[in-house]
Amino acid sequence: MKRCFLALPINDKVRSMLSQLQDRWKKSFPMASWVPPGQIHLTIKFLGEIDDSLCSALQPDMSRIASGTPPFTLAADQPGAFPSMRNPRVLWVGIQDSTRCLEELAGKVESACVKHGFPPEDRNFHPHLTLCRIKKEHSYFPAGLHSLPAGDFHAGSFDATRLILFQSILKPSGAVYHPLATFPFCRSEE
């Protein structure tokens, strides 16, 4: 069994900006578990614990979806929190998808996963880049996330050019993500 998810990678410029934001927020959340900047990604679908045969069975569909998807650009901005700004458990930076290509991709991935027996997602897709997770006992923040030093934050944009199937290996020091398969998007002909 492997703990897996499907995600889009981000570029180094966005990663650097997110790392700077993490550094500004660490004093406000010393008990948080911060995602190492090199592991920040945009999750499309969390698959959970799956066996090797299901992992293999998903790959042709993911390849078909990716090969029919042209590259698109996304913007990373608007810090936020789940479940709320006053009681954050996850701090994140939102994704702007002006072309709606990401929403379309997520829908196709979701449909393919349901076809393979995964239960349909019961929440709306909310694209974001997770910066940290906060333990419940340390999650009350009366001033709200608005009081954190972020200013008018924009991490920049990145091109979505491939979908990656990752394995998440849980270790005492935190999760380590290992790419199992990469599915390139189609290239537009110019």
C-alpha atoms as a PDB file:
ATOM      1  CA  MET A   1       0.000   0.000   0.000  1.00  0.00           C
ATOM      2  CA  LYS A   2       1.145   3.487  -0.860  1.00  0.00           C
ATOM      3  CA  ARG A   3      -0.178   6.823   0.355  1.00  0.00           C
ATOM      4  CA  CYS A   4      -0.569   8.802  -2.879  1.00  0.00           C
ATOM      5  CA  PHE A   5      -1.809  12.052  -4.376  1.00  0.00           C
ATOM      6  CA  LEU A   6      -1.898  13.815  -7.747  1.00  0.00           C
ATOM      7  CA  ALA A   7      -0.416  17.308  -7.912  1.00  0.00           C
ATOM      8  CA  LEU A   8       1.027  20.101 -10.016  1.00  0.00           C
ATOM      9  CA  PRO A   9       4.540  21.336  -9.219  1.00  0.00           C
ATOM     10  CA  ILE A  10       5.320  25.036  -8.753  1.00  0.00           C
ATOM     11  CA  ASN A  11       8.339  27.007  -9.979  1.00  0.00           C
ATOM     12  CA  ASP A  12      11.315  28.237  -7.947  1.00  0.00           C
ATOM     13  CA  LYS A  13      10.211  31.899  -7.998  1.00  0.00           C
ATOM     14  CA  VAL A  14       6.848  31.109  -6.403  1.00  0.00           C
ATOM     15  CA  ARG A  15       8.547  28.664  -4.003  1.00  0.00           C
ATOM     16  CA  SER A  16      10.941  31.412  -2.876  1.00  0.00           C
ATOM     17  CA  MET A  17       8.121  33.889  -2.281  1.00  0.00           C
ATOM     18  CA  LEU A  18       6.177  31.295  -0.272  1.00  0.00           C
ATOM     19  CA  SER A  19       9.276  30.535   1.797  1.00  0.00           C
ATOM     20  CA  GLN A  20       9.609  34.240   2.624  1.00  0.00           C
ATOM     21  CA  LEU A  21       5.960  34.355   3.721  1.00  0.00           C
ATOM     22  CA  GLN A  22       6.501  31.266   5.889  1.00  0.00           C
ATOM     23  CA  ASP A  23       9.467  32.976   7.548  1.00  0.00           C
ATOM     24  CA  ARG A  24       7.316  36.028   8.370  1.00  0.00           C
ATOM     25  CA  TRP A  25       4.573  33.867   9.894  1.00  0.00           C
ATOM     26  CA  LYS A  26       6.673  31.411  11.896  1.00  0.00           C
ATOM     27  CA  LYS A  27       6.806  33.666  14.976  1.00  0.00           C
ATOM     28  CA  SER A  28       3.008  33.768  15.122  1.00  0.00           C
ATOM     29  CA  PHE A  29       2.717  29.970  14.897  1.00  0.00           C
ATOM     30  CA  PRO A  30       5.763  28.430  16.624  1.00  0.00           C
ATOM     31  CA  MET A  31       3.976  25.099  17.160  1.00  0.00           C
ATOM     32  CA  ALA A  32       2.984  24.722  13.507  1.00  0.00           C
ATOM     33  CA  SER A  33       4.336  22.020  11.249  1.00  0.00           C
ATOM     34  CA  TRP A  34       5.754  23.966   8.288  1.00  0.00           C
ATOM     35  CA  VAL A  35       5.896  22.396   4.843  1.00  0.00           C
ATOM     36  CA  PRO A  36       9.485  22.505   3.563  1.00  0.00           C
ATOM     37  CA  PRO A  37       9.492  24.940   0.614  1.00  0.00           C
ATOM     38  CA  GLY A  38      10.882  22.240  -1.683  1.00  0.00           C
ATOM     39  CA  GLN A  39       7.775  20.132  -1.055  1.00  0.00           C
ATOM     40  CA  ILE A  40       5.088  22.767  -1.644  1.00  0.00           C
ATOM     41  CA  HIS A  41       2.800  21.695  -4.501  1.00  0.00           C
ATOM     42  CA  LEU A  42      -0.764  22.122  -5.735  1.00  0.00           C
ATOM     43  CA  THR A  43      -2.771  19.003  -4.845  1.00  0.00           C
ATOM     44  CA  ILE A  44      -5.345  18.041  -7.447  1.00  0.00           C
ATOM     45  CA  LYS A  45      -6.564  14.838  -5.757  1.00  0.00           C
ATOM     46  CA  PHE A  46      -5.534  13.086  -2.545  1.00  0.00           C
ATOM     47  CA  LEU A  47      -5.851   9.351  -3.163  1.00  0.00           C
ATOM     48  CA  GLY A  48      -4.965   8.013   0.278  1.00  0.00           C
ATOM     49  CA  GLU A  49      -3.608   4.505   0.825  1.00  0.00           C
ATOM     50  CA  ILE A  50      -3.795   2.563  -2.435  1.00  0.00           C
ATOM     51  CA  ASP A  51      -2.309  -0.737  -3.567  1.00  0.00           C
ATOM     52  CA  ASP A  52       0.148  -1.083  -6.446  1.00  0.00           C
ATOM     53  CA  SER A  53      -2.464  -2.470  -8.846  1.00  0.00           C
ATOM     54  CA  LEU A  54      -4.749   0.560  -8.391  1.00  0.00           C
ATOM     55  CA  CYS A  55      -1.762   2.882  -8.647  1.00  0.00           C
ATOM     56  CA  SER A  56      -0.898   1.255 -11.992  1.00  0.00           C
ATOM     57  CA  ALA A  57      -4.520   1.205 -13.197  1.00  0.00           C
ATOM     58  CA  LEU A  58      -4.882   4.976 -12.683  1.00  0.00           C
ATOM     59  CA  GLN A  59      -1.855   5.882 -14.762  1.00  0.00           C
ATOM     60  CA  PRO A  60      -3.265   5.393 -18.301  1.00  0.00           C
ATOM     61  CA  ASP A  61      -6.236   7.630 -17.458  1.00  0.00           C
ATOM     62  CA  MET A  62      -3.983  10.292 -15.966  1.00  0.00           C
ATOM     63  CA  SER A  63      -1.776  10.129 -19.054  1.00  0.00           C
ATOM     64  CA  ARG A  64      -4.820  10.508 -21.327  1.00  0.00           C
ATOM     65  CA  ILE A  65      -6.121  13.479 -19.312  1.00  0.00           C
ATOM     66  CA  ALA A  66      -2.729  15.201 -19.257  1.00  0.00           C
ATOM     67  CA  SER A  67      -2.051  14.642 -22.959  1.00  0.00           C
ATOM     68  CA  GLY A  68      -5.367  16.353 -23.728  1.00  0.00           C
ATOM     69  CA  THR A  69      -4.614  19.342 -21.499  1.00  0.00           C
ATOM     70  CA  PRO A  70      -2.660  22.302 -22.859  1.00  0.00           C
ATOM     71  CA  PRO A  71      -0.272  24.059 -20.449  1.00  0.00           C
ATOM     72  CA  PHE A  72      -1.843  26.970 -18.553  1.00  0.00           C
ATOM     73  CA  THR A  73      -0.740  29.672 -16.126  1.00  0.00           C
ATOM     74  CA  LEU A  74      -1.837  30.024 -12.506  1.00  0.00           C
ATOM     75  CA  ALA A  75      -1.241  32.832  -9.998  1.00  0.00           C
ATOM     76  CA  ALA A  76      -0.462  32.241  -6.316  1.00  0.00           C
ATOM     77  CA  ASP A  77      -1.796  34.908  -3.970  1.00  0.00           C
ATOM     78  CA  GLN A  78      -4.400  35.581  -1.266  1.00  0.00           C
ATOM     79  CA  PRO A  79      -3.270  33.892   1.960  1.00  0.00           C
ATOM     80  CA  GLY A  80      -6.008  32.048   3.790  1.00  0.00           C
ATOM     81  CA  ALA A  81      -6.769  29.349   6.345  1.00  0.00           C
ATOM     82  CA  PHE A  82      -8.888  26.250   6.851  1.00  0.00           C
ATOM     83  CA  PRO A  83     -11.343  26.029   8.525  1.00  0.00           C
ATOM     84  CA  SER A  84     -11.423  29.757   9.349  1.00  0.00           C
ATOM     85  CA  MET A  85      -9.218  32.804   9.757  1.00  0.00           C
ATOM     86  CA  ARG A  86      -9.785  32.891  13.528  1.00  0.00           C
ATOM     87  CA  ASN A  87      -9.306  29.171  14.113  1.00  0.00           C
ATOM     88  CA  PRO A  88      -6.721  28.116  11.513  1.00  0.00           C
ATOM     89  CA  ARG A  89      -5.637  24.492  11.210  1.00  0.00           C
ATOM     90  CA  VAL A  90      -3.990  24.939   7.806  1.00  0.00           C
ATOM     91  CA  LEU A  91      -2.394  28.123   6.482  1.00  0.00           C
ATOM     92  CA  TRP A  92      -2.288  28.359   2.701  1.00  0.00           C
ATOM     93  CA  VAL A  93      -1.942  30.627  -0.310  1.00  0.00           C
ATOM     94  CA  GLY A  94      -4.778  30.511  -2.818  1.00  0.00           C
ATOM     95  CA  ILE A  95      -4.565  29.918  -6.543  1.00  0.00           C
ATOM     96  CA  GLN A  96      -6.127  32.167  -9.167  1.00  0.00           C
ATOM     97  CA  ASP A  97      -7.295  30.295 -12.269  1.00  0.00           C
ATOM     98  CA  SER A  98      -8.529  32.956 -14.685  1.00  0.00           C
ATOM     99  CA  THR A  99      -8.793  30.470 -17.576  1.00  0.00           C
ATOM    100  CA  ARG A 100     -10.685  27.824 -15.503  1.00  0.00           C
ATOM    101  CA  CYS A 101      -8.267  25.227 -16.938  1.00  0.00           C
ATOM    102  CA  LEU A 102      -7.355  24.057 -13.442  1.00  0.00           C
ATOM    103  CA  GLU A 103     -11.000  23.531 -12.521  1.00  0.00           C
ATOM    104  CA  GLU A 104     -11.498  21.541 -15.735  1.00  0.00           C
ATOM    105  CA  LEU A 105      -8.403  19.423 -15.054  1.00  0.00           C
ATOM    106  CA  ALA A 106      -9.509  18.741 -11.468  1.00  0.00           C
ATOM    107  CA  GLY A 107     -12.942  17.683 -12.704  1.00  0.00           C
ATOM    108  CA  LYS A 108     -11.481  15.235 -15.223  1.00  0.00           C
ATOM    109  CA  VAL A 109      -9.127  13.763 -12.611  1.00  0.00           C
ATOM    110  CA  GLU A 110     -12.012  13.432 -10.131  1.00  0.00           C
ATOM    111  CA  SER A 111     -14.192  11.646 -12.709  1.00  0.00           C
ATOM    112  CA  ALA A 112     -11.403   9.227 -13.599  1.00  0.00           C
ATOM    113  CA  CYS A 113     -10.730   8.473  -9.937  1.00  0.00           C
ATOM    114  CA  VAL A 114     -14.432   7.800  -9.266  1.00  0.00           C
ATOM    115  CA  LYS A 115     -14.411   5.420 -12.249  1.00  0.00           C
ATOM    116  CA  HIS A 116     -11.626   3.508 -10.463  1.00  0.00           C
ATOM    117  CA  GLY A 117     -13.662   3.185  -7.275  1.00  0.00           C
ATOM    118  CA  PHE A 118     -12.610   6.254  -5.283  1.00  0.00           C
ATOM    119  CA  PRO A 119     -15.524   7.901  -3.470  1.00  0.00           C
ATOM    120  CA  PRO A 120     -16.581  11.232  -4.982  1.00  0.00           C
ATOM    121  CA  GLU A 121     -15.111  14.250  -3.196  1.00  0.00           C
ATOM    122  CA  ASP A 122     -17.725  15.770  -0.899  1.00  0.00           C
ATOM    123  CA  ARG A 123     -16.094  19.209  -0.857  1.00  0.00           C
ATOM    124  CA  ASN A 124     -15.696  21.735  -3.636  1.00  0.00           C
ATOM    125  CA  PHE A 125     -12.227  21.917  -5.166  1.00  0.00           C
ATOM    126  CA  HIS A 126     -10.389  24.804  -3.479  1.00  0.00           C
ATOM    127  CA  PRO A 127      -6.948  25.140  -5.090  1.00  0.00           C
ATOM    128  CA  HIS A 128      -4.259  26.221  -2.648  1.00  0.00           C
ATOM    129  CA  LEU A 129      -0.632  25.757  -1.654  1.00  0.00           C
ATOM    130  CA  THR A 130      -0.340  24.505   1.945  1.00  0.00           C
ATOM    131  CA  LEU A 131       2.268  26.362   4.010  1.00  0.00           C
ATOM    132  CA  CYS A 132       1.727  24.718   7.403  1.00  0.00           C
ATOM    133  CA  ARG A 133      -0.546  22.650   9.601  1.00  0.00           C
ATOM    134  CA  ILE A 134      -1.398  23.731  13.124  1.00  0.00           C
ATOM    135  CA  LYS A 135      -2.235  21.348  15.932  1.00  0.00           C
ATOM    136  CA  LYS A 136      -5.769  21.841  17.239  1.00  0.00           C
ATOM    137  CA  GLU A 137      -4.674  22.943  20.702  1.00  0.00           C
ATOM    138  CA  HIS A 138      -2.591  25.753  19.162  1.00  0.00           C
ATOM    139  CA  SER A 139      -4.997  26.869  16.465  1.00  0.00           C
ATOM    140  CA  TYR A 140      -6.994  29.691  18.101  1.00  0.00           C
ATOM    141  CA  PHE A 141      -5.860  33.019  16.720  1.00  0.00           C
ATOM    142  CA  PRO A 142      -8.205  35.756  18.044  1.00  0.00           C
ATOM    143  CA  ALA A 143      -6.861  38.544  15.844  1.00  0.00           C
ATOM    144  CA  GLY A 144      -7.441  36.461  12.739  1.00  0.00           C
ATOM    145  CA  LEU A 145      -5.093  35.819   9.904  1.00  0.00           C
ATOM    146  CA  HIS A 146      -5.580  39.393   8.685  1.00  0.00           C
ATOM    147  CA  SER A 147      -3.238  40.619  11.428  1.00  0.00           C
ATOM    148  CA  LEU A 148      -0.338  38.471  10.222  1.00  0.00           C
ATOM    149  CA  PRO A 149       2.402  40.246   8.275  1.00  0.00           C
ATOM    150  CA  ALA A 150       1.558  39.472   4.654  1.00  0.00           C
ATOM    151  CA  GLY A 151       0.737  42.839   3.140  1.00  0.00           C
ATOM    152  CA  ASP A 152      -0.692  42.680  -0.352  1.00  0.00           C
ATOM    153  CA  PHE A 153       0.890  39.283  -0.969  1.00  0.00           C
ATOM    154  CA  HIS A 154       1.429  37.894  -4.453  1.00  0.00           C
ATOM    155  CA  ALA A 155       3.822  34.974  -4.916  1.00  0.00           C
ATOM    156  CA  GLY A 156       3.719  35.295  -8.692  1.00  0.00           C
ATOM    157  CA  SER A 157       2.599  32.909 -11.379  1.00  0.00           C
ATOM    158  CA  PHE A 158       3.673  29.502 -12.595  1.00  0.00           C
ATOM    159  CA  ASP A 159       2.997  27.395 -15.643  1.00  0.00           C
ATOM    160  CA  ALA A 160       1.148  24.133 -15.166  1.00  0.00           C
ATOM    161  CA  THR A 161       2.823  21.776 -17.653  1.00  0.00           C
ATOM    162  CA  ARG A 162       2.483  18.344 -16.059  1.00  0.00           C
ATOM    163  CA  LEU A 163       0.555  16.276 -13.548  1.00  0.00           C
ATOM    164  CA  ILE A 164       2.568  14.173 -11.100  1.00  0.00           C
ATOM    165  CA  LEU A 165       1.532  11.092  -9.147  1.00  0.00           C
ATOM    166  CA  PHE A 166       3.344  11.319  -5.809  1.00  0.00           C
ATOM    167  CA  GLN A 167       3.824   8.856  -3.003  1.00  0.00           C
ATOM    168  CA  SER A 168       3.773  10.455   0.432  1.00  0.00           C
ATOM    169  CA  ILE A 169       6.140   8.652   2.800  1.00  0.00           C
ATOM    170  CA  LEU A 170       5.415   9.554   6.411  1.00  0.00           C
ATOM    171  CA  LYS A 171       8.493   9.929   8.606  1.00  0.00           C
ATOM    172  CA  PRO A 172       8.957  11.301  12.143  1.00  0.00           C
ATOM    173  CA  SER A 173      10.511  14.428  10.622  1.00  0.00           C
ATOM    174  CA  GLY A 174       7.523  14.930   8.295  1.00  0.00           C
ATOM    175  CA  ALA A 175       6.212  13.613   5.003  1.00  0.00           C
ATOM    176  CA  VAL A 176       8.572  13.076   2.079  1.00  0.00           C
ATOM    177  CA  TYR A 177       7.099  13.163  -1.417  1.00  0.00           C
ATOM    178  CA  HIS A 178       8.438  10.794  -4.051  1.00  0.00           C
ATOM    179  CA  PRO A 179       7.257  11.127  -7.687  1.00  0.00           C
ATOM    180  CA  LEU A 180       5.969   7.808  -9.048  1.00  0.00           C
ATOM    181  CA  ALA A 181       4.870   8.979 -12.509  1.00  0.00           C
ATOM    182  CA  THR A 182       4.794  12.218 -14.501  1.00  0.00           C
ATOM    183  CA  PHE A 183       2.133  12.997 -17.090  1.00  0.00           C
ATOM    184  CA  PRO A 184       3.125  15.891 -19.401  1.00  0.00           C
ATOM    185  CA  PHE A 185       0.470  18.192 -20.781  1.00  0.00           C
ATOM    186  CA  CYS A 186       0.174  18.506 -24.547  1.00  0.00           C
ATOM    187  CA  ARG A 187       2.182  21.220 -26.232  1.00  0.00           C
ATOM    188  CA  SER A 188       0.295  23.681 -28.407  1.00  0.00           C
ATOM    189  CA  GLU A 189       1.580  23.831 -31.954  1.00  0.00           C
ATOM    190  CA  GLU A 190       2.673  27.272 -33.056  1.00  0.00           C
END
